Protein backbone atom coordinates (compact mmCIF):
# COMPACT_ATOMS: atom_id res chain seq x y z
CA MET A 1 62.98 13.08 177.95
CA LYS A 2 65.92 13.32 175.45
CA ILE A 3 65.54 11.70 171.75
CA ALA A 4 68.38 11.69 169.58
CA VAL A 5 66.96 11.92 166.04
CA PHE A 6 69.25 10.42 163.33
CA SER A 7 69.17 11.20 159.73
CA ALA A 8 67.26 14.32 160.48
CA ARG A 9 66.51 16.61 157.67
CA PRO A 10 64.86 20.10 157.89
CA TYR A 11 61.52 18.53 157.04
CA ASP A 12 61.83 15.95 159.74
CA ARG A 13 62.62 18.83 162.33
CA ARG A 14 59.61 20.81 161.07
CA PHE A 15 57.16 18.14 161.38
CA LEU A 16 58.16 16.78 164.49
CA ASP A 17 58.36 20.01 166.26
CA GLU A 18 54.96 20.87 164.88
CA ALA A 19 53.64 17.37 166.18
CA HIS A 20 55.25 17.91 169.60
CA GLN A 21 53.59 21.32 170.03
CA CYS A 22 50.15 19.39 169.65
CA ALA A 23 51.03 16.25 171.45
CA ASP A 24 49.77 15.58 174.93
CA LEU A 25 52.78 13.67 176.22
CA ALA A 26 53.34 12.13 179.70
CA GLU A 27 56.74 14.22 179.81
CA PRO A 28 58.05 16.75 177.48
CA ALA A 29 60.29 15.62 174.68
CA GLU A 30 63.63 17.30 174.19
CA PHE A 31 64.63 16.35 170.30
CA LEU A 32 68.56 16.73 169.58
CA TYR A 33 68.51 16.76 165.76
CA PHE A 34 71.59 15.07 163.87
CA ASP A 35 72.30 14.99 160.07
CA ALA A 36 74.31 11.88 160.57
CA PHE A 37 73.25 8.21 159.82
CA LEU A 38 73.20 6.15 162.85
CA ASP A 39 75.83 3.57 162.95
CA VAL A 40 78.61 2.20 165.28
CA HIS A 41 80.72 5.58 164.62
CA THR A 42 77.66 8.00 165.57
CA ALA A 43 76.04 6.13 168.31
CA ALA A 44 77.80 8.10 170.92
CA LEU A 45 75.63 11.31 169.86
CA ALA A 46 72.65 9.57 171.70
CA GLN A 47 74.53 10.11 175.17
CA ASP A 48 72.21 10.68 177.85
CA CYS A 49 69.11 10.14 175.62
CA ALA A 50 66.36 7.80 176.57
CA ALA A 51 65.49 7.09 172.92
CA VAL A 52 66.57 7.24 169.36
CA CYS A 53 64.49 8.12 166.57
CA VAL A 54 65.84 6.74 163.20
CA PHE A 55 64.89 6.25 159.41
CA VAL A 56 65.14 3.59 156.70
CA ASN A 57 69.03 3.87 156.29
CA ASP A 58 69.96 4.11 159.92
CA ARG A 59 71.97 0.88 161.02
CA LEU A 60 70.74 -0.83 164.22
CA ASP A 61 72.78 -4.14 164.01
CA ALA A 62 74.27 -5.78 167.25
CA PRO A 63 77.38 -3.58 167.72
CA VAL A 64 75.16 -0.37 167.26
CA LEU A 65 72.43 -1.60 169.78
CA HIS A 66 75.19 -2.78 172.36
CA ALA A 67 76.44 0.84 172.13
CA LEU A 68 73.22 2.39 172.58
CA HIS A 69 72.30 0.34 175.41
CA ALA A 70 75.54 1.11 177.11
CA LEU A 71 74.85 4.85 176.71
CA GLY A 72 71.29 4.42 178.50
CA VAL A 73 69.17 4.50 175.33
CA ARG A 74 66.00 2.27 175.95
CA ALA A 75 63.73 2.91 173.09
CA ILE A 76 64.08 2.93 169.37
CA LEU A 77 61.50 4.89 167.40
CA LEU A 78 61.41 4.18 163.42
CA ARG A 79 59.89 6.79 161.22
CA CYS A 80 59.13 4.35 158.79
CA ALA A 81 57.13 1.10 158.16
CA GLY A 82 60.05 -1.41 157.53
CA PHE A 83 62.23 -2.49 160.18
CA ASN A 84 64.71 -4.60 158.31
CA ASN A 85 67.66 -2.26 159.52
CA VAL A 86 67.10 -3.48 163.19
CA ASP A 87 68.45 -6.50 164.62
CA LEU A 88 65.47 -7.47 166.43
CA ALA A 89 66.64 -10.44 168.32
CA THR A 90 69.47 -8.48 169.69
CA ALA A 91 67.00 -5.55 170.71
CA GLY A 92 64.61 -8.02 172.40
CA GLN A 93 67.70 -9.64 174.31
CA ARG A 94 68.57 -5.98 175.49
CA GLY A 95 65.13 -5.10 176.58
CA PHE A 96 64.72 -2.35 173.87
CA PHE A 97 61.16 -0.91 173.01
CA VAL A 98 60.86 -0.85 169.29
CA ALA A 99 58.04 0.71 167.39
CA ARG A 100 57.51 1.56 163.88
CA VAL A 101 54.75 3.59 161.79
CA PRO A 102 53.20 0.75 160.13
CA ALA A 103 51.08 2.72 157.60
CA TYR A 104 51.24 6.32 156.80
CA SER A 105 49.48 7.77 153.91
CA PRO A 106 49.64 4.74 151.65
CA GLU A 107 48.22 6.56 148.83
CA ALA A 108 51.25 8.85 148.73
CA VAL A 109 53.44 6.16 147.81
CA ALA A 110 50.98 4.43 145.41
CA GLU A 111 50.57 7.84 143.69
CA HIS A 112 54.48 7.99 143.45
CA ALA A 113 54.23 4.45 141.90
CA LEU A 114 51.69 5.68 139.26
CA ALA A 115 53.84 9.02 138.62
CA LEU A 116 56.84 6.73 138.05
CA VAL A 117 54.86 4.36 135.63
CA MET A 118 53.31 7.58 133.58
CA THR A 119 56.41 9.32 133.48
CA LEU A 120 58.67 6.34 131.97
CA ASN A 121 55.94 4.98 129.88
CA ARG A 122 55.00 8.43 128.20
CA HIS A 123 58.58 9.77 128.28
CA THR A 124 57.57 12.95 130.07
CA HIS A 125 60.84 13.43 131.51
CA ARG A 126 62.56 13.56 127.93
CA ALA A 127 59.78 15.69 126.56
CA TYR A 128 60.35 18.21 129.24
CA ASN A 129 64.21 18.46 128.52
CA ARG A 130 63.33 18.60 124.75
CA VAL A 131 60.88 21.27 124.78
CA ARG A 132 63.04 23.45 127.02
CA GLU A 133 65.72 23.48 124.40
CA GLY A 134 62.99 23.99 121.54
CA ASN A 135 62.54 20.64 119.99
CA PHE A 136 59.15 19.66 119.32
CA MET A 137 59.93 16.38 117.46
CA LEU A 138 58.03 13.33 118.84
CA ASP A 139 60.40 10.78 117.60
CA GLY A 140 61.52 8.53 120.53
CA LEU A 141 58.48 9.48 122.83
CA LEU A 142 55.96 6.93 121.73
CA GLY A 143 54.27 5.39 124.72
CA ARG A 144 51.53 2.79 125.52
CA THR A 145 47.92 3.23 126.44
CA LEU A 146 47.66 1.63 130.11
CA HIS A 147 44.02 1.18 129.75
CA GLY A 148 43.54 -2.58 129.24
CA LYS A 149 47.11 -3.61 130.39
CA THR A 150 47.79 -6.24 133.16
CA VAL A 151 49.20 -4.87 136.28
CA GLY A 152 50.73 -7.15 138.83
CA ILE A 153 50.98 -6.07 142.46
CA VAL A 154 53.50 -7.93 144.61
CA GLY A 155 52.27 -7.46 148.29
CA THR A 156 48.69 -6.58 149.08
CA GLY A 157 49.05 -4.57 152.06
CA LYS A 158 47.92 -1.06 152.53
CA ILE A 159 50.32 0.50 150.06
CA GLY A 160 49.85 -2.24 147.48
CA LEU A 161 45.97 -2.06 147.75
CA ALA A 162 45.99 1.68 147.22
CA THR A 163 48.25 1.02 144.01
CA ALA A 164 46.01 -1.68 142.98
CA ARG A 165 42.93 0.81 143.15
CA ILE A 166 44.68 3.36 141.02
CA PHE A 167 45.40 0.88 138.36
CA LYS A 168 41.93 -0.63 138.59
CA GLY A 169 40.51 2.91 138.07
CA MET A 170 42.46 3.22 134.91
CA GLY A 171 40.95 0.35 133.41
CA CYS A 172 43.82 -2.13 133.78
CA THR A 173 43.46 -5.75 134.73
CA VAL A 174 44.96 -6.25 138.51
CA LEU A 175 46.74 -9.28 139.50
CA GLY A 176 47.94 -9.73 143.01
CA HIS A 177 50.51 -12.16 145.11
CA ASP A 178 50.72 -12.19 148.67
CA PRO A 179 51.77 -15.01 150.97
CA TYR A 180 49.41 -13.33 153.49
CA PRO A 181 46.38 -12.59 151.01
CA SER A 182 44.53 -9.29 151.96
CA PRO A 183 40.74 -9.79 152.08
CA ASP A 184 40.10 -6.35 150.65
CA PHE A 185 42.00 -7.27 147.29
CA PRO A 186 39.59 -9.74 145.64
CA PRO A 187 37.12 -7.02 144.73
CA ILE A 188 40.05 -5.33 143.02
CA GLY A 189 41.80 -7.91 141.15
CA THR A 190 42.77 -11.73 141.18
CA PHE A 191 45.31 -13.51 143.31
CA VAL A 192 47.64 -15.73 141.30
CA ALA A 193 50.98 -17.45 141.97
CA LEU A 194 53.88 -15.27 141.50
CA GLU A 195 55.13 -17.12 138.36
CA GLU A 196 51.71 -16.39 136.71
CA LEU A 197 51.88 -12.66 137.71
CA LEU A 198 55.35 -12.29 136.16
CA ALA A 199 54.45 -14.12 133.10
CA ARG A 200 51.01 -12.10 132.33
CA ALA A 201 51.63 -8.46 133.79
CA ASP A 202 52.82 -5.57 131.66
CA ILE A 203 53.85 -3.70 134.74
CA VAL A 204 54.93 -5.47 138.08
CA SER A 205 54.96 -3.10 140.95
CA LEU A 206 56.55 -4.22 144.24
CA HIS A 207 54.95 -3.57 147.68
CA CYS A 208 56.30 -6.09 149.96
CA PRO A 209 58.58 -5.71 153.03
CA LEU A 210 62.34 -6.73 152.87
CA THR A 211 62.76 -10.04 154.78
CA PRO A 212 65.06 -13.01 154.32
CA ASP A 213 62.62 -14.56 152.22
CA THR A 214 61.98 -11.43 149.78
CA HIS A 215 65.90 -10.58 149.48
CA HIS A 216 66.30 -10.37 145.87
CA LEU A 217 62.80 -11.65 145.03
CA ILE A 218 63.44 -10.17 141.82
CA ASN A 219 66.48 -12.01 140.35
CA ALA A 220 67.71 -13.57 137.15
CA THR A 221 65.06 -16.37 137.43
CA SER A 222 62.24 -14.18 138.10
CA LEU A 223 63.26 -11.65 135.45
CA ALA A 224 63.53 -14.55 132.84
CA GLN A 225 59.94 -15.40 133.89
CA MET A 226 58.63 -11.89 133.31
CA LYS A 227 56.81 -10.88 130.08
CA PRO A 228 59.19 -9.79 127.60
CA GLY A 229 59.39 -5.86 127.65
CA ALA A 230 57.53 -5.48 130.73
CA MET A 231 58.11 -2.71 133.25
CA LEU A 232 59.25 -3.40 136.63
CA VAL A 233 58.32 -0.72 139.44
CA ASN A 234 60.22 -0.56 142.88
CA THR A 235 58.86 1.83 145.62
CA SER A 236 59.21 -0.65 148.48
CA ARG A 237 62.86 -1.76 149.44
CA GLY A 238 65.94 -1.75 147.33
CA GLY A 239 67.11 -5.25 148.46
CA LEU A 240 63.88 -6.84 146.91
CA VAL A 241 65.69 -6.49 143.38
CA ASP A 242 69.24 -7.90 142.29
CA THR A 243 70.68 -4.99 140.72
CA GLN A 244 73.02 -6.93 138.75
CA ALA A 245 70.50 -9.18 137.31
CA VAL A 246 68.24 -6.10 136.58
CA ILE A 247 71.24 -4.77 134.38
CA GLY A 248 71.68 -8.01 132.69
CA ALA A 249 67.82 -8.20 131.76
CA LEU A 250 67.88 -4.64 130.66
CA LYS A 251 70.93 -5.46 128.36
CA ALA A 252 69.21 -8.32 126.87
CA ARG A 253 65.97 -6.30 126.36
CA GLN A 254 64.15 -8.95 128.42
CA LEU A 255 63.06 -6.02 130.93
CA GLY A 256 61.44 -3.22 128.76
CA HIS A 257 61.50 -0.50 131.55
CA LEU A 258 62.69 -0.05 135.09
CA ALA A 259 61.37 2.58 137.66
CA ILE A 260 62.92 2.60 141.00
CA ASP A 261 62.59 4.80 144.13
CA VAL A 262 64.58 2.70 146.26
CA TYR A 263 68.19 1.15 145.64
CA GLU A 264 69.84 -1.89 147.10
CA GLN A 265 72.99 0.34 148.14
CA GLU A 266 70.99 3.44 148.73
CA SER A 267 72.42 4.04 152.06
CA ALA A 268 75.59 5.36 150.63
CA LEU A 269 73.84 7.83 148.37
CA PHE A 270 70.32 8.83 149.08
CA PHE A 271 69.17 11.87 151.28
CA GLN A 272 72.61 13.50 150.37
CA ASP A 273 73.91 16.00 147.44
CA TRP A 274 76.34 14.40 145.45
CA SER A 275 75.92 16.46 142.64
CA GLY A 276 79.62 17.86 142.79
CA GLU A 277 81.23 14.63 143.52
CA ILE A 278 82.09 11.30 141.47
CA ILE A 279 79.49 8.51 142.69
CA ASP A 280 81.49 5.68 143.36
CA ASP A 281 78.99 2.89 142.58
CA ASP A 282 79.31 1.11 139.29
CA ALA A 283 76.16 -0.55 139.55
CA PHE A 284 74.18 2.74 139.99
CA GLN A 285 76.17 4.38 137.46
CA ARG A 286 75.43 1.51 134.85
CA LEU A 287 71.88 1.93 135.45
CA MET A 288 71.77 5.71 134.99
CA THR A 289 73.13 4.87 131.22
CA PHE A 290 69.77 3.22 130.16
CA PRO A 291 67.22 5.48 128.49
CA ASN A 292 64.45 3.24 129.84
CA VAL A 293 65.39 3.57 133.50
CA LEU A 294 63.97 6.10 135.89
CA VAL A 295 65.32 6.59 139.31
CA THR A 296 64.08 8.97 142.20
CA GLY A 297 65.57 9.21 145.52
CA HIS A 298 63.27 7.58 148.04
CA GLN A 299 60.79 10.36 147.72
CA GLY A 300 57.53 8.09 147.49
CA PHE A 301 56.54 8.88 151.11
CA PHE A 302 57.26 12.73 150.90
CA THR A 303 53.99 14.51 151.08
CA ALA A 304 53.00 16.89 153.76
CA GLU A 305 50.20 14.59 154.84
CA ALA A 306 52.44 11.67 155.13
CA LEU A 307 55.01 13.60 157.36
CA GLN A 308 52.55 14.91 159.47
CA GLU A 309 51.09 11.32 160.11
CA ILE A 310 54.71 10.02 160.62
CA SER A 311 55.49 12.45 163.21
CA ALA A 312 52.08 12.07 165.00
CA ILE A 313 52.41 8.20 165.16
CA THR A 314 56.17 8.77 166.37
CA LEU A 315 55.07 10.78 169.24
CA GLY A 316 52.42 8.27 170.04
CA ASN A 317 54.89 5.61 170.19
CA LEU A 318 57.05 7.65 172.39
CA ASP A 319 54.16 8.39 174.78
CA ASP A 320 53.47 4.50 175.04
CA PHE A 321 57.06 3.87 176.05
CA ALA A 322 57.08 6.68 178.40
CA ARG A 323 53.83 5.59 180.16
CA GLY A 324 54.86 1.78 180.02
CA ARG A 325 51.65 1.00 178.26
CA ALA A 326 51.08 -1.59 175.33
CA CYS A 327 51.91 -0.06 171.97
CA ALA A 328 50.06 -1.34 168.99
CA ASN A 329 53.19 -0.48 166.87
CA ARG A 330 55.67 -2.17 168.77
CA VAL A 331 57.83 -4.63 166.87
CA VAL A 332 59.49 -7.84 168.40
CA ALA A 333 61.40 -10.61 167.06
CA ALA A 334 59.28 -13.34 165.41
């Protein structure tokens, strides 16, 4: 069975190939790796493939799904938990098998969220550059002790829970908000309404999926409800945050710090090297001018353990498709 793997980086090839060697599949898989993102212009690369394997910034809207179906593709394997980039209604109408990796090393993303908070709070990224230049002055590097602070976790799935446990262990008061509350959260923190969480939290960390209901969950209104000077952290999906509203809140000093591993328009930027080019994104360039903003390029998931788990689960989903059996990770339209 041929599988077209889009947005394939060297680490994708390594871990998928290693997982394939250990997997007991119904039929051998032949991976065709493509650096290109999947969209209507690159869909033809999946010619003669039974499945495509895609990542967060690959586009699977109706035109792409129609094109894939015409090529004979019948399965869509997501190497991620989110599926907001898939038109599930059209996929269902066309009879596509769509499966995701619902949870992979949630601690990896949780630990990255902590790393962002610690770096931005204690200015370690700026201190590193200073010391490299022989500057050992401490002016401008004043942080705050996290012990005793209040952290708001928006979304209490596995990643949110892992993040909550970390901050609880650091001596923080943890608040949570989720329309579908996890029964595992109450021993860690207290569920409150979103408005109360925003008003009380010194740090707000987003861990919810991107849906029509959560698009721009953080906007001008919600930013105004936040505790003045608070830190906002997003390691989930860029579309949860209205970038222009955040820029306004930073300029007004309402938002004290911003740490993001995802960005609303990241598909045109992330996972590529633009160091020798002009980045034609005014909102992103404006964000980079703030000294209290820290951006990483969607690397929260990027640990060896997480990539091993993603590859193993992806191959398991492929085997479910090949054998025609029920798949626990299958995604269908609501």
